[in-house]
PDB file of N, CA and C in Angstrom:
ATOM      1  N   MET A   1       6.957  -6.943   6.599  1.00  0.00           N
ATOM      2  CA  MET A   1       7.356  -5.570   6.190  1.00  0.00           C
ATOM      3  C   MET A   1       7.432  -6.597   4.405  1.00  0.00           C
ATOM      4  N   GLU A   2       8.867  -7.089   4.085  1.00  0.00           N
ATOM      5  CA  GLU A   2       9.476  -7.456   3.365  1.00  0.00           C
ATOM      6  C   GLU A   2       8.143  -8.600   1.424  1.00  0.00           C
ATOM      7  N   GLU A   3       6.609  -8.797   2.970  1.00  0.00           N
ATOM      8  CA  GLU A   3       5.722  -9.511   2.014  1.00  0.00           C
ATOM      9  C   GLU A   3       5.087  -8.019   1.279  1.00  0.00           C
ATOM     10  N   LEU A   4       5.209  -6.980   1.933  1.00  0.00           N
ATOM     11  CA  LEU A   4       4.964  -6.438   1.160  1.00  0.00           C
ATOM     12  C   LEU A   4       5.603  -5.099   0.470  1.00  0.00           C
ATOM     13  N   MET A   5       6.332  -4.969   0.614  1.00  0.00           N
ATOM     14  CA  MET A   5       7.566  -5.077  -0.904  1.00  0.00           C
ATOM     15  C   MET A   5       7.122  -5.331  -1.597  1.00  0.00           C
ATOM     16  N   GLU A   6       7.158  -7.375  -2.016  1.00  0.00           N
ATOM     17  CA  GLU A   6       6.912  -7.527  -2.573  1.00  0.00           C
ATOM     18  C   GLU A   6       5.934  -7.475  -3.177  1.00  0.00           C
ATOM     19  N   ILE A   7       4.507  -7.142  -2.924  1.00  0.00           N
ATOM     20  CA  ILE A   7       3.251  -7.039  -3.685  1.00  0.00           C
ATOM     21  C   ILE A   7       3.510  -5.509  -3.952  1.00  0.00           C
ATOM     22  N   LEU A   8       4.453  -4.713  -3.598  1.00  0.00           N
ATOM     23  CA  LEU A   8       4.010  -3.461  -4.248  1.00  0.00           C
ATOM     24  C   LEU A   8       5.082  -3.670  -5.128  1.00  0.00           C
ATOM     25  N   GLU A   9       5.819  -3.918  -4.965  1.00  0.00           N
ATOM     26  CA  GLU A   9       7.305  -4.222  -6.004  1.00  0.00           C
ATOM     27  C   GLU A   9       6.631  -4.525  -7.050  1.00  0.00           C
ATOM     28  N   GLN A  10       5.918  -5.504  -7.259  1.00  0.00           N
ATOM     29  CA  GLN A  10       5.055  -6.490  -8.212  1.00  0.00           C
ATOM     30  C   GLN A  10       3.631  -5.603  -9.091  1.00  0.00           C
ATOM     31  N   VAL A  11       3.281  -4.485  -8.137  1.00  0.00           N
ATOM     32  CA  VAL A  11       1.959  -4.208  -8.461  1.00  0.00           C
ATOM     33  C   VAL A  11       3.117  -3.338  -9.633  1.00  0.00           C
ATOM     34  N   LEU A  12       3.725  -2.174  -8.356  1.00  0.00           N
ATOM     35  CA  LEU A  12       4.537  -0.452  -9.682  1.00  0.00           C
ATOM     36  C   LEU A  12       5.936  -0.919  -8.972  1.00  0.00           C
ATOM     37  N   PRO A  13       6.616  -1.791 -10.286  1.00  0.00           N
ATOM     38  CA  PRO A  13       7.900  -2.241 -10.363  1.00  0.00           C
ATOM     39  C   PRO A  13       8.893  -1.600 -10.661  1.00  0.00           C
ATOM     40  N   ASN A  14       8.692   0.179 -11.676  1.00  0.00           N
ATOM     41  CA  ASN A  14       9.605   1.189 -11.406  1.00  0.00           C
ATOM     42  C   ASN A  14       9.835   1.809 -10.451  1.00  0.00           C
ATOM     43  N   VAL A  15       9.581   1.567  -8.431  1.00  0.00           N
ATOM     44  CA  VAL A  15       9.223   2.737  -8.083  1.00  0.00           C
ATOM     45  C   VAL A  15      10.171   2.664  -6.728  1.00  0.00           C
ATOM     46  N   ASP A  16      10.801   2.748  -6.851  1.00  0.00           N
ATOM     47  CA  ASP A  16      12.004   2.865  -4.990  1.00  0.00           C
ATOM     48  C   ASP A  16      10.826   2.725  -4.138  1.00  0.00           C
ATOM     49  N   PHE A  17      10.402   1.939  -3.392  1.00  0.00           N
ATOM     50  CA  PHE A  17      10.251   2.289  -2.168  1.00  0.00           C
ATOM     51  C   PHE A  17       9.805   2.495  -0.976  1.00  0.00           C
ATOM     52  N   THR A  18      11.318   1.735  -0.991  1.00  0.00           N
ATOM     53  CA  THR A  18      12.081   2.600   0.453  1.00  0.00           C
ATOM     54  C   THR A  18      13.237   4.212  -0.100  1.00  0.00           C
ATOM     55  N   ALA A  19      12.705   4.827  -0.689  1.00  0.00           N
ATOM     56  CA  ALA A  19      12.667   6.305  -0.471  1.00  0.00           C
ATOM     57  C   ALA A  19      11.610   7.223  -0.810  1.00  0.00           C
ATOM     58  N   GLU A  20      10.608   6.378  -1.901  1.00  0.00           N
ATOM     59  CA  GLU A  20       9.834   7.192  -1.891  1.00  0.00           C
ATOM     60  C   GLU A  20       8.164   7.301  -0.904  1.00  0.00           C
ATOM     61  N   LYS A  21       7.909   8.206  -0.493  1.00  0.00           N
ATOM     62  CA  LYS A  21       7.912   8.816   0.239  1.00  0.00           C
ATOM     63  C   LYS A  21       5.748   9.415   0.363  1.00  0.00           C
ATOM     64  N   ASP A  22       5.466   9.364  -0.847  1.00  0.00           N
ATOM     65  CA  ASP A  22       4.574  10.284  -1.451  1.00  0.00           C
ATOM     66  C   ASP A  22       3.982   9.690  -2.281  1.00  0.00           C
ATOM     67  N   LEU A  23       3.255   8.447  -2.455  1.00  0.00           N
ATOM     68  CA  LEU A  23       3.032   7.572  -3.425  1.00  0.00           C
ATOM     69  C   LEU A  23       1.584   7.965  -4.318  1.00  0.00           C
ATOM     70  N   VAL A  24       0.747   8.249  -3.444  1.00  0.00           N
ATOM     71  CA  VAL A  24       0.319   9.325  -3.587  1.00  0.00           C
ATOM     72  C   VAL A  24      -0.283  10.399  -4.342  1.00  0.00           C
ATOM     73  N   ASP A  25       0.093  11.760  -3.611  1.00  0.00           N
ATOM     74  CA  ASP A  25       0.871  13.081  -3.942  1.00  0.00           C
ATOM     75  C   ASP A  25       0.885  12.676  -5.132  1.00  0.00           C
ATOM     76  N   SER A  26       2.361  12.580  -5.689  1.00  0.00           N
ATOM     77  CA  SER A  26       2.931  12.182  -6.536  1.00  0.00           C
ATOM     78  C   SER A  26       2.197  11.852  -7.732  1.00  0.00           C
ATOM     79  N   GLY A  27       1.491  10.713  -7.930  1.00  0.00           N
ATOM     80  CA  GLY A  27       0.739  10.357  -8.606  1.00  0.00           C
ATOM     81  C   GLY A  27       1.200   9.421  -8.988  1.00  0.00           C
ATOM     82  N   LEU A  28       2.121   8.724  -8.258  1.00  0.00           N
ATOM     83  CA  LEU A  28       2.409   7.335  -8.750  1.00  0.00           C
ATOM     84  C   LEU A  28       1.433   6.722  -8.472  1.00  0.00           C
ATOM     85  N   LEU A  29       0.802   6.417  -6.967  1.00  0.00           N
ATOM     86  CA  LEU A  29      -0.369   5.641  -6.827  1.00  0.00           C
ATOM     87  C   LEU A  29      -1.649   5.887  -6.823  1.00  0.00           C
ATOM     88  N   ASP A  30      -2.347   5.857  -7.911  1.00  0.00           N
ATOM     89  CA  ASP A  30      -3.898   5.861  -8.603  1.00  0.00           C
ATOM     90  C   ASP A  30      -4.906   5.048  -8.251  1.00  0.00           C
ATOM     91  N   SER A  31      -6.563   5.349  -7.838  1.00  0.00           N
ATOM     92  CA  SER A  31      -7.314   4.820  -7.463  1.00  0.00           C
ATOM     93  C   SER A  31      -6.909   2.713  -7.914  1.00  0.00           C
ATOM     94  N   VAL A  32      -7.235   3.325  -9.542  1.00  0.00           N
ATOM     95  CA  VAL A  32      -7.310   1.770  -9.636  1.00  0.00           C
ATOM     96  C   VAL A  32      -6.138   0.845  -9.350  1.00  0.00           C
ATOM     97  N   THR A  33      -4.898   1.458  -8.816  1.00  0.00           N
ATOM     98  CA  THR A  33      -3.589   0.577  -7.937  1.00  0.00           C
ATOM     99  C   THR A  33      -3.611   0.478  -7.180  1.00  0.00           C
ATOM    100  N   MET A  34      -4.383   1.125  -6.689  1.00  0.00           N
ATOM    101  CA  MET A  34      -4.347   1.613  -4.873  1.00  0.00           C
ATOM    102  C   MET A  34      -5.859   0.569  -4.557  1.00  0.00           C
ATOM    103  N   VAL A  35      -6.620  -0.061  -5.227  1.00  0.00           N
ATOM    104  CA  VAL A  35      -7.295  -1.381  -5.167  1.00  0.00           C
ATOM    105  C   VAL A  35      -6.687  -2.972  -5.664  1.00  0.00           C
ATOM    106  N   ARG A  36      -6.726  -2.139  -6.362  1.00  0.00           N
ATOM    107  CA  ARG A  36      -4.767  -3.541  -6.889  1.00  0.00           C
ATOM    108  C   ARG A  36      -3.783  -4.084  -5.296  1.00  0.00           C
ATOM    109  N   ILE A  37      -3.076  -2.832  -4.829  1.00  0.00           N
ATOM    110  CA  ILE A  37      -2.690  -3.460  -3.678  1.00  0.00           C
ATOM    111  C   ILE A  37      -3.940  -3.768  -2.261  1.00  0.00           C
ATOM    112  N   ILE A  38      -4.559  -3.244  -2.515  1.00  0.00           N
ATOM    113  CA  ILE A  38      -5.966  -3.742  -1.617  1.00  0.00           C
ATOM    114  C   ILE A  38      -5.957  -5.007  -1.568  1.00  0.00           C
ATOM    115  N   SER A  39      -6.034  -5.123  -2.464  1.00  0.00           N
ATOM    116  CA  SER A  39      -6.719  -6.536  -2.901  1.00  0.00           C
ATOM    117  C   SER A  39      -5.395  -7.604  -2.277  1.00  0.00           C
ATOM    118  N   GLU A  40      -4.015  -6.849  -3.300  1.00  0.00           N
ATOM    119  CA  GLU A  40      -3.477  -8.371  -2.261  1.00  0.00           C
ATOM    120  C   GLU A  40      -2.998  -8.350  -1.111  1.00  0.00           C
ATOM    121  N   LEU A  41      -3.397  -7.050  -0.877  1.00  0.00           N
ATOM    122  CA  LEU A  41      -3.146  -6.903   0.844  1.00  0.00           C
ATOM    123  C   LEU A  41      -3.675  -7.806   1.718  1.00  0.00           C
ATOM    124  N   GLU A  42      -5.067  -7.258   1.642  1.00  0.00           N
ATOM    125  CA  GLU A  42      -6.321  -8.475   1.946  1.00  0.00           C
ATOM    126  C   GLU A  42      -6.147 -10.084   2.403  1.00  0.00           C
ATOM    127  N   GLU A  43      -5.775 -10.063   0.752  1.00  0.00           N
ATOM    128  CA  GLU A  43      -5.857 -11.644   0.497  1.00  0.00           C
ATOM    129  C   GLU A  43      -4.524 -12.631   0.937  1.00  0.00           C
ATOM    130  N   ARG A  44      -2.843 -11.907   1.400  1.00  0.00           N
ATOM    131  CA  ARG A  44      -1.464 -12.313   1.737  1.00  0.00           C
ATOM    132  C   ARG A  44      -1.932 -11.772   3.389  1.00  0.00           C
ATOM    133  N   PHE A  45      -2.749 -11.502   3.547  1.00  0.00           N
ATOM    134  CA  PHE A  45      -2.000 -10.918   5.186  1.00  0.00           C
ATOM    135  C   PHE A  45      -3.169 -10.848   5.823  1.00  0.00           C
ATOM    136  N   ASP A  46      -4.452 -11.812   5.567  1.00  0.00           N
ATOM    137  CA  ASP A  46      -5.537 -12.001   5.700  1.00  0.00           C
ATOM    138  C   ASP A  46      -6.333 -10.627   6.441  1.00  0.00           C
ATOM    139  N   ILE A  47      -6.554  -9.828   6.418  1.00  0.00           N
ATOM    140  CA  ILE A  47      -6.905  -8.746   6.666  1.00  0.00           C
ATOM    141  C   ILE A  47      -8.303  -7.908   5.366  1.00  0.00           C
ATOM    142  N   SER A  48      -9.410  -6.506   6.208  1.00  0.00           N
ATOM    143  CA  SER A  48      -9.903  -6.086   6.221  1.00  0.00           C
ATOM    144  C   SER A  48      -9.597  -4.899   6.062  1.00  0.00           C
ATOM    145  N   VAL A  49     -10.129  -4.825   4.186  1.00  0.00           N
ATOM    146  CA  VAL A  49      -8.823  -3.123   4.525  1.00  0.00           C
ATOM    147  C   VAL A  49     -10.765  -2.287   4.068  1.00  0.00           C
ATOM    148  N   SER A  50     -11.192  -1.689   5.167  1.00  0.00           N
ATOM    149  CA  SER A  50     -12.763  -0.731   5.985  1.00  0.00           C
ATOM    150  C   SER A  50     -12.457   0.155   4.925  1.00  0.00           C
ATOM    151  N   MET A  51     -13.285   0.585   3.766  1.00  0.00           N
ATOM    152  CA  MET A  51     -13.597   2.556   3.948  1.00  0.00           C
ATOM    153  C   MET A  51     -12.695   3.157   4.639  1.00  0.00           C
ATOM    154  N   GLU A  52     -13.079   3.429   6.426  1.00  0.00           N
ATOM    155  CA  GLU A  52     -12.208   4.717   7.287  1.00  0.00           C
ATOM    156  C   GLU A  52     -10.317   4.122   6.442  1.00  0.00           C
ATOM    157  N   TYR A  53     -10.334   2.792   5.830  1.00  0.00           N
ATOM    158  CA  TYR A  53      -8.391   3.307   5.420  1.00  0.00           C
ATOM    159  C   TYR A  53      -8.560   3.192   4.491  1.00  0.00           C
ATOM    160  N   ILE A  54      -8.875   3.643   3.628  1.00  0.00           N
ATOM    161  CA  ILE A  54      -8.767   3.975   2.455  1.00  0.00           C
ATOM    162  C   ILE A  54      -9.010   5.866   1.242  1.00  0.00           C
ATOM    163  N   GLN A  55      -8.110   5.718   2.425  1.00  0.00           N
ATOM    164  CA  GLN A  55      -7.546   6.972   2.005  1.00  0.00           C
ATOM    165  C   GLN A  55      -6.609   7.716   1.778  1.00  0.00           C
ATOM    166  N   PRO A  56      -5.812   8.156   1.655  1.00  0.00           N
ATOM    167  CA  PRO A  56      -4.317   8.491   1.073  1.00  0.00           C
ATOM    168  C   PRO A  56      -4.015   8.812   1.774  1.00  0.00           C
ATOM    169  N   LYS A  57      -4.116   9.474   2.855  1.00  0.00           N
ATOM    170  CA  LYS A  57      -2.893   8.565   4.130  1.00  0.00           C
ATOM    171  C   LYS A  57      -2.573   8.154   4.195  1.00  0.00           C
ATOM    172  N   TYR A  58      -3.387   7.204   4.000  1.00  0.00           N
ATOM    173  CA  TYR A  58      -2.287   5.578   4.219  1.00  0.00           C
ATOM    174  C   TYR A  58      -1.932   4.691   3.388  1.00  0.00           C
ATOM    175  N   PHE A  59      -1.574   5.620   2.072  1.00  0.00           N
ATOM    176  CA  PHE A  59      -0.971   4.677   1.102  1.00  0.00           C
ATOM    177  C   PHE A  59       0.053   5.848  -0.038  1.00  0.00           C
ATOM    178  N   GLN A  60       0.751   6.517   1.544  1.00  0.00           N
ATOM    179  CA  GLN A  60       1.660   7.437   1.071  1.00  0.00           C
ATOM    180  C   GLN A  60       3.205   6.744   0.856  1.00  0.00           C
ATOM    181  N   SER A  61       2.927   6.136   1.673  1.00  0.00           N
ATOM    182  CA  SER A  61       4.638   5.468   1.768  1.00  0.00           C
ATOM    183  C   SER A  61       4.310   3.625   1.604  1.00  0.00           C
ATOM    184  N   ALA A  62       5.374   2.964   1.701  1.00  0.00           N
ATOM    185  CA  ALA A  62       5.638   1.788   2.025  1.00  0.00           C
ATOM    186  C   ALA A  62       5.322   1.475   3.752  1.00  0.00           C
ATOM    187  N   GLU A  63       6.304   2.898   4.824  1.00  0.00           N
ATOM    188  CA  GLU A  63       5.486   2.664   6.290  1.00  0.00           C
ATOM    189  C   GLU A  63       4.711   2.767   6.861  1.00  0.00           C
ATOM    190  N   THR A  64       3.677   3.960   5.541  1.00  0.00           N
ATOM    191  CA  THR A  64       2.312   4.262   6.140  1.00  0.00           C
ATOM    192  C   THR A  64       1.187   2.943   5.850  1.00  0.00           C
ATOM    193  N   ILE A  65       1.866   2.652   4.597  1.00  0.00           N
ATOM    194  CA  ILE A  65       0.382   1.325   4.579  1.00  0.00           C
ATOM    195  C   ILE A  65       1.467  -0.016   5.612  1.00  0.00           C
ATOM    196  N   TRP A  66       1.841  -0.184   5.968  1.00  0.00           N
ATOM    197  CA  TRP A  66       2.824  -1.265   6.796  1.00  0.00           C
ATOM    198  C   TRP A  66       2.706  -0.692   8.190  1.00  0.00           C
ATOM    199  N   ASN A  67       2.295   0.410   8.721  1.00  0.00           N
ATOM    200  CA  ASN A  67       1.791   1.315   9.843  1.00  0.00           C
ATOM    201  C   ASN A  67      -0.341   0.151   9.595  1.00  0.00           C
ATOM    202  N   MET A  68      -0.459   0.432   8.497  1.00  0.00           N
ATOM    203  CA  MET A  68      -2.311   0.446   8.236  1.00  0.00           C
ATOM    204  C   MET A  68      -2.550  -1.240   8.608  1.00  0.00           C
ATOM    205  N   ILE A  69      -1.849  -1.851   7.653  1.00  0.00           N
ATOM    206  CA  ILE A  69      -1.462  -3.108   8.423  1.00  0.00           C
ATOM    207  C   ILE A  69      -1.725  -3.601   9.296  1.00  0.00           C
ATOM    208  N   GLU A  70      -0.766  -2.785   9.988  1.00  0.00           N
ATOM    209  CA  GLU A  70      -0.714  -3.155  11.698  1.00  0.00           C
ATOM    210  C   GLU A  70      -1.830  -2.939  12.513  1.00  0.00           C
ATOM    211  N   GLU A  71      -1.944  -2.382  12.004  1.00  0.00           N
ATOM    212  CA  GLU A  71      -3.538  -1.655  12.570  1.00  0.00           C
ATOM    213  C   GLU A  71      -5.048  -2.448  12.699  1.00  0.00           C
ATOM    214  N   LEU A  72      -4.415  -3.585  11.771  1.00  0.00           N
ATOM    215  CA  LEU A  72      -5.722  -3.815  11.092  1.00  0.00           C
ATOM    216  C   LEU A  72      -6.003  -5.518  11.306  1.00  0.00           C
ATOM    217  N   ARG A  73      -4.954  -6.044  11.642  1.00  0.00           N
ATOM    218  CA  ARG A  73      -4.009  -7.293  12.390  1.00  0.00           C
ATOM    219  C   ARG A  73      -4.749  -7.277  13.234  1.00  0.00           C
TER     220      ARG A  73
END
């Protein structure tokens, strides 16, 4: 989870990822930013994020992103 937080803080430095639970719904995370995060996740965690995972429900919070990573490992 620490590596994920580093990625998220690098991409969106002004967001409190420990508290934020609605990244997509609140507009903090748009499609371009999501693509940047996916690229970093694939490289850092050696995973492939398929189209079925490119949905808002997997990117609402650090926890939902982490759960997705765990599923893809």
